Amino acid sequence: MVSKRSILAEICWNSVFIDHLKSYVLTTPTEVNINRRLNLEAFFENCLTVCQSITDLFLKTAAERLNSLIICMRMALSDIKNNCLDLKINDIMLLEKIAKILEQFTNLKLNNGTKNDNKNELQSATPPEDFRVLYVYPTPFDLEYQRPFLRPNITKGAYQSVEHYLDVQFRLLREDFIAPLREGIKCYKESNKNRNERRKRINNIRIYRNVKFNEEKVFVQDKLGYLINFNKNKKLKINWDISKRLMYGSLLLFTMNEFNDFFIGIVLGRDKKYLANGQLIVELIDDLQPGMLTSSFTMAESEVYFEPYKCAMQVLQNLNGNNFPMEKYIISTCNKVEKPNYLKSLPVKMFNFNGGEPFNVLNDNEWPAQEKFGLDEMQYKAFKAALTNELTVIQGPPGTGKTFIGLMIIETIIKNLYHFYVKNRLQNPILVVCYTNHALDQFMEGIIKFTTNVVRIGGQTKSDTVKNYTLKNVTKYHRKSSNVFKTIRSATETIKNVEHEITYFKNCKEFISLNAGILELSLLLVFKVGF
């Protein structure tokens, strides 16, 4: 059975029906059919009942789609009252119903206007501090305080300045990561208070108890890591090959007092031989008091992956008005898109596609027909826009050819602007960024078909074709001179010596802080020089 709500929604969205109804309403004062003339009051009353019901259910939609219909009814009733003296209609009652609906529409506009005023006032508010001094990592204050200073993203209109944009985006991004963590810690605390009640599932975080730090320290590349035991009794049964737990870059909080205070660690190494023994390599973000790591801790792992948030926030803090890209489009929302600078610098803008006749890419009249490219109309427009504008956004549902068009764009640019026989050829690399590793692998596999001069950043590829083009493998197989090998070998030895000294001085510092005994003067001198 169709619900009343569904019927009213269908009426509201049926623009053809509403247009026909408006047309008829305006003709009612000249209606010649006797039966219809006698039932006009009932007709208007029924129409207004339906309109009122739609307004009560879908106020915003009703204000957008029914406003002109209601005004037409008011005009028709006024005409009937003044010119159709033979018709007896209770126009006062009908006009009161019309006034009620229009009042609801007016109040909606006023409320929206107030909201917009409040938004504008908030956007103009002075931030409590420069966002660049904010810690990208969460603090105890962040997890306790529920109302940080936030301004909404502007979806219509321009930002006041680059600084305004950066401040808004940084704070929203930081809160986007911290809010789930705050909720998870709050839930954990409430669960511990009500120990007699059935334990609720704690969302957004994973809790590990009785976590201990080993004395052993491990260097991972150029960072000093601490080895921790998080599953000493091996109660956690986890398949680390498929688990998303404790990934490289994950954020960890260590506490001894229910997270009223904590220090932060980042997963530095995810070696399976360590994980199988319930161990993990962690980088500590802050300096700690000596002897503190001998205690047992509760550890919380954020389920929201921290690494991309950290990188994005650090980039935002390093941007400014001098190095911000595409400012006129992103900040000032300029809708007039310029031609690419690299095309402006070419003396002749001639492109060749698949060996066809060369054409001036900036001259619409010279472009070949879409059939020459094997594209449909929308794909052709997207392809053309990407080659002739410095900023182009192409969107569409799955299967509409976004990847295909993207590869076609890159191939055309490379063959026409990067090949050695091209005069004034481009030198800067093309950067391809994808949301997932799988999408990047797919794109890379397509690019490799027309050029092998590519490098994939990141080692998370699962494609055998792409593996040869990862940064690690490209540098491994790249031919190096004997001088380069000597330099690398020397740098490696220097790094090992520095790592050894760091470990030595760290132990010295802890030893001195503990007042463990008498020290040789030479040790103090070395320690002073080292620091």
Protein backbone atom coordinates (compact mmCIF):
# COMPACT_ATOMS: atom_id res chain seq x y z
CA MET A 1 0.00 0.00 0.00
CA VAL A 2 1.38 3.41 -0.99
CA SER A 3 1.79 5.75 2.00
CA LYS A 4 0.35 9.26 2.21
CA ARG A 5 3.91 10.61 2.54
CA SER A 6 4.96 8.95 -0.74
CA ILE A 7 1.92 10.35 -2.59
CA LEU A 8 2.59 13.88 -1.32
CA ALA A 9 6.27 13.60 -2.24
CA GLU A 10 5.31 12.50 -5.75
CA ILE A 11 2.95 15.48 -6.11
CA CYS A 12 5.60 17.87 -4.87
CA TRP A 13 8.26 16.65 -7.32
CA ASN A 14 5.92 16.31 -10.31
CA SER A 15 6.61 19.68 -11.95
CA VAL A 16 4.35 18.90 -14.93
CA PHE A 17 1.37 18.32 -12.62
CA ILE A 18 2.08 21.54 -10.67
CA ASP A 19 2.40 23.57 -13.90
CA HIS A 20 -0.92 22.20 -15.19
CA LEU A 21 -2.55 22.95 -11.84
CA LYS A 22 -1.28 26.56 -11.90
CA SER A 23 -2.60 27.01 -15.43
CA TYR A 24 -6.05 25.75 -14.42
CA VAL A 25 -6.14 27.83 -11.21
CA LEU A 26 -5.59 31.00 -13.22
CA THR A 27 -8.53 30.12 -15.50
CA THR A 28 -11.00 29.44 -12.65
CA PRO A 29 -12.49 32.99 -12.70
CA THR A 30 -13.61 32.34 -16.31
CA GLU A 31 -14.72 28.72 -15.78
CA VAL A 32 -17.86 28.04 -17.92
CA ASN A 33 -18.67 24.51 -16.75
CA ILE A 34 -21.55 24.91 -14.27
CA ASN A 35 -20.65 21.89 -12.09
CA ARG A 36 -17.03 23.03 -11.82
CA ARG A 37 -18.12 26.60 -10.99
CA LEU A 38 -20.35 25.33 -8.19
CA ASN A 39 -17.49 23.23 -6.73
CA LEU A 40 -14.72 25.83 -6.93
CA GLU A 41 -14.69 26.39 -3.16
CA ALA A 42 -14.22 22.65 -2.53
CA PHE A 43 -11.54 22.59 -5.26
CA PHE A 44 -9.52 25.40 -3.66
CA GLU A 45 -9.98 23.94 -0.18
CA ASN A 46 -8.73 20.51 -1.34
CA CYS A 47 -5.74 22.06 -3.11
CA LEU A 48 -4.80 24.04 -0.02
CA THR A 49 -5.20 20.96 2.22
CA VAL A 50 -2.74 19.09 0.01
CA CYS A 51 -0.35 22.07 -0.09
CA GLN A 52 -0.52 22.45 3.70
CA SER A 53 0.23 18.74 4.18
CA ILE A 54 3.24 18.96 1.84
CA THR A 55 4.44 22.10 3.66
CA ASP A 56 4.19 20.38 7.05
CA LEU A 57 6.21 17.39 5.79
CA PHE A 58 8.71 18.99 3.38
CA LEU A 59 8.87 22.69 4.25
CA LYS A 60 12.01 23.58 2.29
CA THR A 61 10.92 21.69 -0.84
CA ALA A 62 7.39 23.10 -0.59
CA ALA A 63 8.78 26.66 -0.37
CA GLU A 64 10.78 26.07 -3.54
CA ARG A 65 8.14 24.26 -5.62
CA LEU A 66 4.71 25.39 -4.35
CA ASN A 67 5.24 29.09 -3.70
CA SER A 68 4.16 30.19 -7.20
CA LEU A 69 1.10 27.86 -7.08
CA ILE A 70 -0.08 29.40 -3.77
CA ILE A 71 0.32 32.92 -5.20
CA CYS A 72 -1.69 31.90 -8.28
CA MET A 73 -4.49 30.70 -5.96
CA ARG A 74 -4.49 34.03 -4.12
CA MET A 75 -4.68 35.94 -7.43
CA ALA A 76 -7.52 33.71 -8.70
CA LEU A 77 -9.55 34.10 -5.48
CA SER A 78 -9.10 37.89 -5.59
CA ASP A 79 -10.31 37.89 -9.22
CA ILE A 80 -13.33 35.70 -8.37
CA LYS A 81 -14.28 37.96 -5.45
CA ASN A 82 -14.11 41.13 -7.55
CA ASN A 83 -15.48 39.92 -10.88
CA CYS A 84 -17.63 36.81 -10.29
CA LEU A 85 -20.44 38.12 -8.12
CA ASP A 86 -22.65 35.11 -8.87
CA LEU A 87 -20.16 32.73 -7.17
CA LYS A 88 -20.58 32.28 -3.44
CA ILE A 89 -17.14 31.28 -2.07
CA ASN A 90 -15.85 31.57 1.47
CA ASP A 91 -12.83 33.50 0.28
CA ILE A 92 -11.92 34.71 3.80
CA MET A 93 -11.37 31.14 5.03
CA LEU A 94 -9.40 30.21 1.88
CA LEU A 95 -7.24 33.35 2.04
CA GLU A 96 -6.45 32.64 5.71
CA LYS A 97 -5.16 29.18 4.71
CA ILE A 98 -3.07 30.75 1.95
CA ALA A 99 -1.66 33.33 4.38
CA LYS A 100 -0.70 30.56 6.84
CA ILE A 101 1.28 28.65 4.18
CA LEU A 102 2.99 31.80 2.88
CA GLU A 103 3.89 32.76 6.44
CA GLN A 104 5.65 29.40 6.87
CA PHE A 105 7.60 30.08 3.65
CA THR A 106 8.56 33.57 4.88
CA ASN A 107 9.72 32.28 8.28
CA LEU A 108 11.88 29.70 6.53
CA LYS A 109 13.57 32.44 4.48
CA LEU A 110 14.09 34.55 7.61
CA ASN A 111 15.61 31.60 9.48
CA ASN A 112 17.91 30.84 6.55
CA GLY A 113 18.89 34.48 6.43
CA THR A 114 19.70 34.42 10.16
CA LYS A 115 21.72 31.26 9.71
CA ASN A 116 23.63 32.85 6.86
CA ASP A 117 24.26 35.94 9.00
CA ASN A 118 25.52 33.71 11.82
CA LYS A 119 27.76 31.86 9.37
CA ASN A 120 29.16 35.11 8.03
CA GLU A 121 29.73 36.35 11.56
CA LEU A 122 31.51 33.11 12.47
CA GLN A 123 33.69 33.25 9.34
CA SER A 124 34.76 36.77 10.34
CA ALA A 125 35.56 35.76 13.91
CA THR A 126 39.21 36.00 14.93
CA PRO A 127 40.74 32.56 15.68
CA PRO A 128 42.02 32.16 19.28
CA GLU A 129 45.53 31.42 17.95
CA ASP A 130 47.50 31.04 14.74
CA PHE A 131 46.69 27.56 13.42
CA ARG A 132 50.40 27.04 12.67
CA VAL A 133 51.21 26.84 16.39
CA LEU A 134 48.61 24.11 16.97
CA TYR A 135 50.01 20.67 17.66
CA VAL A 136 49.08 18.22 14.90
CA TYR A 137 48.93 15.48 17.56
CA PRO A 138 46.04 15.32 20.06
CA THR A 139 46.55 16.68 23.58
CA PRO A 140 44.72 15.84 26.85
CA PHE A 141 42.91 19.19 26.48
CA ASP A 142 41.65 18.16 23.00
CA LEU A 143 40.15 14.94 24.38
CA GLU A 144 38.48 16.71 27.30
CA TYR A 145 37.20 19.90 25.65
CA GLN A 146 34.19 19.30 23.42
CA ARG A 147 33.92 22.64 21.58
CA PRO A 148 37.06 23.62 19.66
CA PHE A 149 37.04 26.76 17.51
CA LEU A 150 35.71 25.65 14.11
CA ARG A 151 34.35 27.46 11.08
CA PRO A 152 32.37 25.61 8.38
CA ASN A 153 33.79 24.95 4.97
CA ILE A 154 32.55 27.52 2.45
CA THR A 155 30.72 25.67 -0.33
CA LYS A 156 29.35 28.78 -2.06
CA GLY A 157 31.36 31.95 -2.53
CA ALA A 158 34.95 32.95 -1.90
CA TYR A 159 37.26 32.78 1.10
CA GLN A 160 38.54 36.03 2.60
CA SER A 161 42.19 35.13 1.97
CA VAL A 162 44.64 32.25 1.72
CA GLU A 163 45.15 32.44 5.51
CA HIS A 164 41.39 32.20 6.07
CA TYR A 165 41.17 29.09 3.86
CA LEU A 166 44.18 27.39 5.48
CA ASP A 167 42.89 28.09 9.01
CA VAL A 168 39.41 26.71 8.24
CA GLN A 169 40.71 23.57 6.51
CA PHE A 170 43.40 22.82 9.11
CA ARG A 171 41.04 23.04 12.07
CA LEU A 172 38.33 20.97 10.34
CA LEU A 173 40.87 18.31 9.35
CA ARG A 174 42.33 18.16 12.85
CA GLU A 175 38.90 17.85 14.46
CA ASP A 176 37.90 15.21 11.89
CA PHE A 177 40.66 13.02 13.32
CA ILE A 178 40.36 13.99 16.99
CA ALA A 179 36.53 13.78 17.34
CA PRO A 180 36.32 9.95 16.96
CA LEU A 181 39.31 9.57 19.28
CA ARG A 182 37.65 11.83 21.87
CA GLU A 183 34.43 9.81 21.63
CA GLY A 184 36.33 6.52 22.02
CA ILE A 185 38.28 7.69 25.11
CA LYS A 186 35.07 9.04 26.66
CA CYS A 187 33.35 5.68 26.10
CA TYR A 188 36.35 3.86 27.61
CA LYS A 189 36.24 6.04 30.76
CA GLU A 190 32.48 5.51 31.19
CA SER A 191 32.92 1.77 30.74
CA ASN A 192 35.57 1.69 33.50
CA LYS A 193 33.31 3.67 35.88
CA ASN A 194 30.46 1.19 35.45
CA ARG A 195 32.41 -2.03 35.93
CA ASN A 196 29.39 -3.86 37.36
CA GLU A 197 27.35 -3.28 34.21
CA ARG A 198 27.72 -5.24 31.01
CA ARG A 199 30.64 -3.86 29.02
CA LYS A 200 29.71 -1.86 25.95
CA ARG A 201 31.70 -2.01 22.76
CA ILE A 202 34.19 0.85 22.60
CA ASN A 203 34.09 2.48 19.18
CA ASN A 204 36.91 4.27 17.33
CA ILE A 205 39.77 2.98 19.48
CA ARG A 206 41.40 -0.35 20.36
CA ILE A 207 42.59 -0.86 23.92
CA TYR A 208 45.68 -2.87 24.91
CA ARG A 209 46.41 -3.39 28.62
CA ASN A 210 49.63 -4.10 30.52
CA VAL A 211 51.83 -2.75 27.75
CA LYS A 212 55.53 -2.61 28.66
CA PHE A 213 58.59 -1.07 27.06
CA ASN A 214 61.70 -3.20 26.51
CA GLU A 215 65.17 -1.87 27.25
CA GLU A 216 66.10 -2.73 23.67
CA LYS A 217 65.93 0.14 21.17
CA VAL A 218 65.81 -0.30 17.41
CA PHE A 219 66.72 2.08 14.57
CA VAL A 220 64.28 2.03 11.67
CA GLN A 221 65.90 3.96 8.82
CA ASP A 222 66.88 7.23 10.53
CA LYS A 223 64.48 7.08 13.50
CA LEU A 224 65.03 5.67 16.97
CA GLY A 225 62.32 3.19 17.90
CA TYR A 226 61.30 1.58 21.18
CA LEU A 227 60.33 -2.06 21.35
CA ILE A 228 57.10 -2.63 23.29
CA ASN A 229 55.30 -5.76 24.48
CA PHE A 230 51.57 -5.36 23.85
CA ASN A 231 50.52 -9.02 23.83
CA LYS A 232 52.91 -10.76 26.19
CA ASN A 233 50.47 -13.51 27.16
CA LYS A 234 49.42 -13.91 23.50
CA LYS A 235 45.73 -13.60 24.31
CA LEU A 236 45.15 -11.63 21.12
CA LYS A 237 44.71 -14.01 18.18
CA ILE A 238 45.22 -11.87 15.08
CA ASN A 239 46.07 -12.73 11.48
CA TRP A 240 48.63 -10.01 10.86
CA ASP A 241 48.71 -10.70 7.11
CA ILE A 242 45.21 -9.25 6.67
CA SER A 243 44.71 -7.18 9.84
CA LYS A 244 44.52 -3.38 9.70
CA ARG A 245 45.70 -3.10 13.30
CA LEU A 246 48.92 -1.33 14.23
CA MET A 247 49.78 -0.21 10.70
CA TYR A 248 52.83 1.93 10.03
CA GLY A 249 51.98 5.51 11.02
CA SER A 250 49.10 4.57 13.36
CA LEU A 251 48.68 6.80 16.42
CA LEU A 252 49.06 5.29 19.91
CA LEU A 253 48.27 6.86 23.30
CA PHE A 254 50.02 5.52 26.45
CA THR A 255 48.58 6.26 29.89
CA MET A 256 48.69 5.23 33.53
CA ASN A 257 45.68 7.29 34.69
CA GLU A 258 42.72 6.64 32.40
CA PHE A 259 44.03 9.04 29.69
CA ASN A 260 43.82 12.11 31.90
CA ASP A 261 47.46 12.41 30.85
CA PHE A 262 49.23 10.48 28.14
CA PHE A 263 52.19 10.46 25.84
CA ILE A 264 52.06 9.68 22.14
CA GLY A 265 53.72 7.05 20.02
CA ILE A 266 53.64 6.31 16.30
CA VAL A 267 53.98 2.80 14.88
CA LEU A 268 57.43 2.81 13.30
CA GLY A 269 57.90 -0.81 12.30
CA ARG A 270 55.41 -3.58 11.60
CA ASP A 271 57.78 -6.53 11.34
CA LYS A 272 55.79 -9.76 11.43
CA LYS A 273 58.45 -11.56 13.48
CA TYR A 274 57.92 -8.97 16.23
CA LEU A 275 54.12 -8.96 15.90
CA ALA A 276 54.01 -12.77 16.20
CA ASN A 277 55.70 -12.38 19.62
CA GLY A 278 53.37 -9.60 20.68
CA GLN A 279 55.98 -6.88 20.08
CA LEU A 280 55.99 -3.65 18.11
CA ILE A 281 58.46 -0.89 17.25
CA VAL A 282 57.20 2.55 18.29
CA GLU A 283 58.56 6.08 17.85
CA LEU A 284 57.87 8.37 20.81
CA ILE A 285 56.92 11.93 19.91
CA ASP A 286 57.80 13.68 23.19
CA ASP A 287 60.78 13.48 25.54
CA LEU A 288 59.90 11.60 28.73
CA GLN A 289 61.22 11.65 32.26
CA PRO A 290 63.93 9.01 32.84
CA GLY A 291 62.64 5.84 34.37
CA MET A 292 59.07 6.48 33.26
CA LEU A 293 59.14 3.72 30.68
CA THR A 294 59.68 1.06 33.36
CA SER A 295 55.97 1.23 34.27
CA SER A 296 53.07 -0.72 32.79
CA PHE A 297 50.69 1.22 30.51
CA THR A 298 47.26 1.10 28.95
CA MET A 299 47.61 1.75 25.23
CA ALA A 300 44.88 3.08 22.92
CA GLU A 301 45.18 2.76 19.14
CA SER A 302 43.09 5.12 17.01
CA GLU A 303 41.05 3.23 14.42
CA VAL A 304 41.18 6.35 12.23
CA TYR A 305 44.47 6.10 10.34
CA PHE A 306 46.62 9.03 11.45
CA GLU A 307 49.41 9.17 8.85
CA PRO A 308 47.48 10.88 5.99
CA TYR A 309 45.96 13.38 8.45
CA LYS A 310 49.40 14.24 9.82
CA CYS A 311 50.90 14.74 6.36
CA ALA A 312 47.98 16.90 5.18
CA MET A 313 48.02 19.06 8.33
CA GLN A 314 51.78 19.61 8.10
CA VAL A 315 51.43 20.67 4.46
CA LEU A 316 48.67 23.16 5.38
CA GLN A 317 50.88 24.64 8.12
CA ASN A 318 53.71 25.14 5.60
CA LEU A 319 51.57 26.82 2.94
CA ASN A 320 51.12 30.58 2.68
CA GLY A 321 50.06 33.27 0.23
CA ASN A 322 53.38 33.01 -1.63
CA ASN A 323 53.30 29.28 -2.40
CA PHE A 324 49.57 28.47 -2.51
CA PRO A 325 48.60 26.82 -5.85
CA MET A 326 45.53 27.75 -7.93
CA GLU A 327 44.67 30.60 -5.56
CA LYS A 328 42.35 32.40 -7.96
CA TYR A 329 40.17 29.30 -8.34
CA ILE A 330 40.25 27.80 -4.82
CA ILE A 331 40.28 31.01 -2.76
CA SER A 332 38.72 33.66 -5.00
CA THR A 333 36.44 31.17 -6.85
CA CYS A 334 37.20 32.73 -10.21
CA ASN A 335 35.07 30.92 -12.82
CA LYS A 336 37.03 32.10 -15.83
CA VAL A 337 39.65 29.41 -16.42
CA GLU A 338 42.89 30.41 -18.09
CA LYS A 339 44.85 28.48 -20.71
CA PRO A 340 47.76 26.40 -19.37
CA ASN A 341 51.05 28.31 -19.06
CA TYR A 342 52.95 25.54 -20.83
CA LEU A 343 50.77 26.02 -23.92
CA LYS A 344 51.19 29.80 -23.82
CA SER A 345 54.97 29.36 -24.00
CA LEU A 346 54.85 27.26 -27.18
CA PRO A 347 55.41 29.23 -30.41
CA VAL A 348 53.00 26.96 -32.32
CA LYS A 349 50.30 25.04 -30.44
CA MET A 350 50.19 22.12 -32.87
CA PHE A 351 49.11 18.70 -31.57
CA ASN A 352 49.15 15.39 -33.34
CA PHE A 353 46.83 12.56 -32.35
CA ASN A 354 47.60 8.97 -33.42
CA GLY A 355 49.50 10.08 -36.51
CA GLY A 356 46.64 12.24 -37.78
CA GLU A 357 46.85 15.72 -39.28
CA PRO A 358 48.42 18.24 -36.81
CA PHE A 359 45.99 20.82 -35.44
CA ASN A 360 46.17 23.94 -33.26
CA VAL A 361 44.95 22.72 -29.88
CA LEU A 362 43.77 26.22 -28.86
CA ASN A 363 41.71 26.75 -32.02
CA ASP A 364 38.23 25.20 -31.70
CA ASN A 365 37.73 25.21 -35.46
CA GLU A 366 40.78 23.02 -36.08
CA TRP A 367 39.90 20.27 -33.61
CA PRO A 368 39.03 16.93 -35.31
CA ALA A 369 35.51 15.56 -34.83
CA GLN A 370 34.82 13.39 -31.79
CA GLU A 371 34.56 10.28 -34.00
CA LYS A 372 38.27 10.64 -34.84
CA PHE A 373 39.07 10.08 -31.16
CA GLY A 374 36.52 7.29 -30.65
CA LEU A 375 34.74 9.27 -27.92
CA ASP A 376 31.14 10.10 -27.13
CA GLU A 377 30.08 13.74 -26.76
CA MET A 378 30.73 14.11 -23.01
CA GLN A 379 34.08 12.27 -23.17
CA TYR A 380 35.12 14.51 -26.08
CA LYS A 381 34.27 17.66 -24.09
CA ALA A 382 36.22 16.38 -21.06
CA PHE A 383 39.25 15.45 -23.18
CA LYS A 384 39.24 18.83 -24.92
CA ALA A 385 38.79 20.78 -21.67
CA ALA A 386 41.70 18.99 -19.97
CA LEU A 387 44.09 19.84 -22.83
CA THR A 388 43.09 23.50 -23.16
CA ASN A 389 42.53 24.65 -19.54
CA GLU A 390 44.87 24.94 -16.59
CA LEU A 391 42.20 23.53 -14.26
CA THR A 392 39.66 20.89 -15.23
CA VAL A 393 37.40 18.72 -13.05
CA ILE A 394 36.07 15.55 -14.68
CA GLN A 395 33.51 13.52 -12.75
CA GLY A 396 31.12 10.71 -13.48
CA PRO A 397 29.78 7.41 -12.10
CA PRO A 398 31.69 4.12 -12.53
CA GLY A 399 32.01 2.88 -16.09
CA THR A 400 31.75 6.27 -17.82
CA GLY A 401 35.39 6.27 -18.92
CA LYS A 402 37.19 8.52 -16.39
CA THR A 403 40.29 6.31 -16.25
CA PHE A 404 40.23 5.86 -20.03
CA ILE A 405 40.03 9.64 -20.60
CA GLY A 406 42.73 10.29 -17.99
CA LEU A 407 45.15 7.92 -19.73
CA MET A 408 44.30 9.43 -23.10
CA ILE A 409 45.03 12.94 -21.76
CA ILE A 410 48.41 11.92 -20.33
CA GLU A 411 49.41 10.02 -23.48
CA THR A 412 48.51 13.00 -25.69
CA ILE A 413 50.46 15.45 -23.49
CA ILE A 414 53.53 13.19 -23.33
CA LYS A 415 53.64 12.51 -27.06
CA ASN A 416 53.15 16.17 -27.99
CA LEU A 417 55.00 18.03 -25.25
CA TYR A 418 57.64 15.72 -23.75
CA HIS A 419 59.26 13.73 -26.58
CA PHE A 420 62.85 14.61 -27.46
CA TYR A 421 61.97 15.81 -30.98
CA VAL A 422 59.56 18.47 -29.63
CA LYS A 423 61.00 22.01 -29.60
CA ASN A 424 60.76 23.72 -26.20
CA ARG A 425 59.62 20.40 -24.75
CA LEU A 426 58.44 20.30 -21.13
CA GLN A 427 60.84 19.17 -18.39
CA ASN A 428 58.65 19.13 -15.28
CA PRO A 429 57.16 15.76 -14.26
CA ILE A 430 53.45 14.91 -14.41
CA LEU A 431 52.10 14.06 -10.95
CA VAL A 432 49.32 11.46 -10.69
CA VAL A 433 47.55 11.15 -7.31
CA CYS A 434 44.94 8.46 -6.62
CA TYR A 435 42.73 7.83 -3.61
CA THR A 436 43.61 4.13 -3.30
CA ASN A 437 46.62 1.94 -4.11
CA HIS A 438 44.45 -0.20 -6.38
CA ALA A 439 43.36 2.82 -8.44
CA LEU A 440 46.98 3.99 -8.75
CA ASP A 441 48.09 0.53 -9.90
CA GLN A 442 45.38 0.47 -12.56
CA PHE A 443 46.42 3.90 -13.82
CA MET A 444 50.11 2.99 -13.78
CA GLU A 445 49.48 -0.17 -15.79
CA GLY A 446 47.83 1.98 -18.45
CA ILE A 447 50.65 4.57 -18.48
CA ILE A 448 53.36 1.92 -18.84
CA LYS A 449 51.85 0.91 -22.18
CA PHE A 450 53.02 4.17 -23.78
CA THR A 451 55.97 5.23 -21.58
CA THR A 452 58.32 3.51 -19.15
CA ASN A 453 59.70 6.79 -17.82
CA VAL A 454 57.62 6.55 -14.65
CA VAL A 455 58.18 6.10 -10.92
CA ARG A 456 55.61 4.90 -8.36
CA ILE A 457 56.00 6.47 -4.92
CA GLY A 458 55.08 4.08 -2.11
CA GLY A 459 55.63 0.36 -1.86
CA GLN A 460 52.05 -0.86 -1.40
CA THR A 461 51.55 -2.04 -4.98
CA LYS A 462 50.09 -5.48 -5.62
CA SER A 463 50.63 -5.33 -9.37
CA ASP A 464 53.53 -7.40 -10.72
CA THR A 465 53.74 -5.02 -13.69
CA VAL A 466 54.05 -1.92 -11.52
CA LYS A 467 56.51 -3.39 -8.97
CA ASN A 468 59.45 -2.79 -11.31
CA TYR A 469 58.61 0.92 -11.33
CA THR A 470 58.49 1.53 -7.57
CA LEU A 471 60.96 4.13 -6.30
CA LYS A 472 62.90 1.44 -4.41
CA ASN A 473 63.38 -0.76 -7.48
CA VAL A 474 64.05 2.12 -9.88
CA THR A 475 66.88 3.42 -7.66
CA LYS A 476 68.20 -0.13 -7.19
CA TYR A 477 68.56 -0.82 -10.90
CA HIS A 478 69.57 2.69 -11.91
CA ARG A 479 73.15 2.75 -13.09
CA LYS A 480 75.40 4.51 -10.63
CA SER A 481 79.01 5.69 -11.00
CA SER A 482 81.74 4.44 -8.66
CA ASN A 483 81.75 7.87 -6.97
CA VAL A 484 78.04 7.55 -6.16
CA PHE A 485 78.61 4.11 -4.60
CA LYS A 486 81.50 5.49 -2.51
CA THR A 487 79.34 8.40 -1.34
CA ILE A 488 76.44 6.09 -0.40
CA ARG A 489 78.80 3.73 1.45
CA SER A 490 80.39 6.64 3.33
CA ALA A 491 76.98 8.11 4.22
CA THR A 492 75.76 4.70 5.46
CA GLU A 493 78.80 4.36 7.73
CA THR A 494 78.29 7.89 9.06
CA ILE A 495 74.61 7.16 9.81
CA LYS A 496 75.55 3.97 11.71
CA ASN A 497 78.12 5.87 13.79
CA VAL A 498 75.63 8.64 14.58
CA GLU A 499 72.97 6.07 15.56
CA HIS A 500 75.46 4.41 17.88
CA GLU A 501 76.35 7.76 19.47
CA ILE A 502 72.67 8.71 19.91
CA THR A 503 72.02 5.45 21.74
CA TYR A 504 75.14 5.94 23.88
CA PHE A 505 74.29 9.52 24.83
CA LYS A 506 70.67 8.59 25.55
CA ASN A 507 71.85 5.92 27.97
CA CYS A 508 74.26 8.41 29.52
CA LYS A 509 71.46 10.92 30.00
CA GLU A 510 69.25 8.34 31.74
CA PHE A 511 72.18 7.19 33.90
CA ILE A 512 72.97 10.76 35.02
CA SER A 513 69.29 11.61 35.66
CA LEU A 514 68.94 8.59 37.96
CA ASN A 515 71.98 9.70 40.05
CA ALA A 516 73.16 6.12 39.75
CA GLY A 517 76.71 6.63 41.06
CA ILE A 518 80.09 8.22 40.48
CA LEU A 519 80.89 9.21 36.88
CA GLU A 520 84.25 9.76 35.24
CA LEU A 521 85.03 13.36 34.30
CA SER A 522 85.79 12.28 30.72
CA LEU A 523 82.24 10.93 30.37
CA LEU A 524 80.77 14.25 31.46
CA LEU A 525 82.97 16.10 28.98
CA VAL A 526 81.92 13.80 26.14
CA PHE A 527 78.32 14.14 27.19
CA LYS A 528 78.60 17.95 27.22
CA VAL A 529 80.17 18.02 23.75
CA GLY A 530 77.55 15.61 22.39
CA PHE A 531 74.67 17.79 23.53
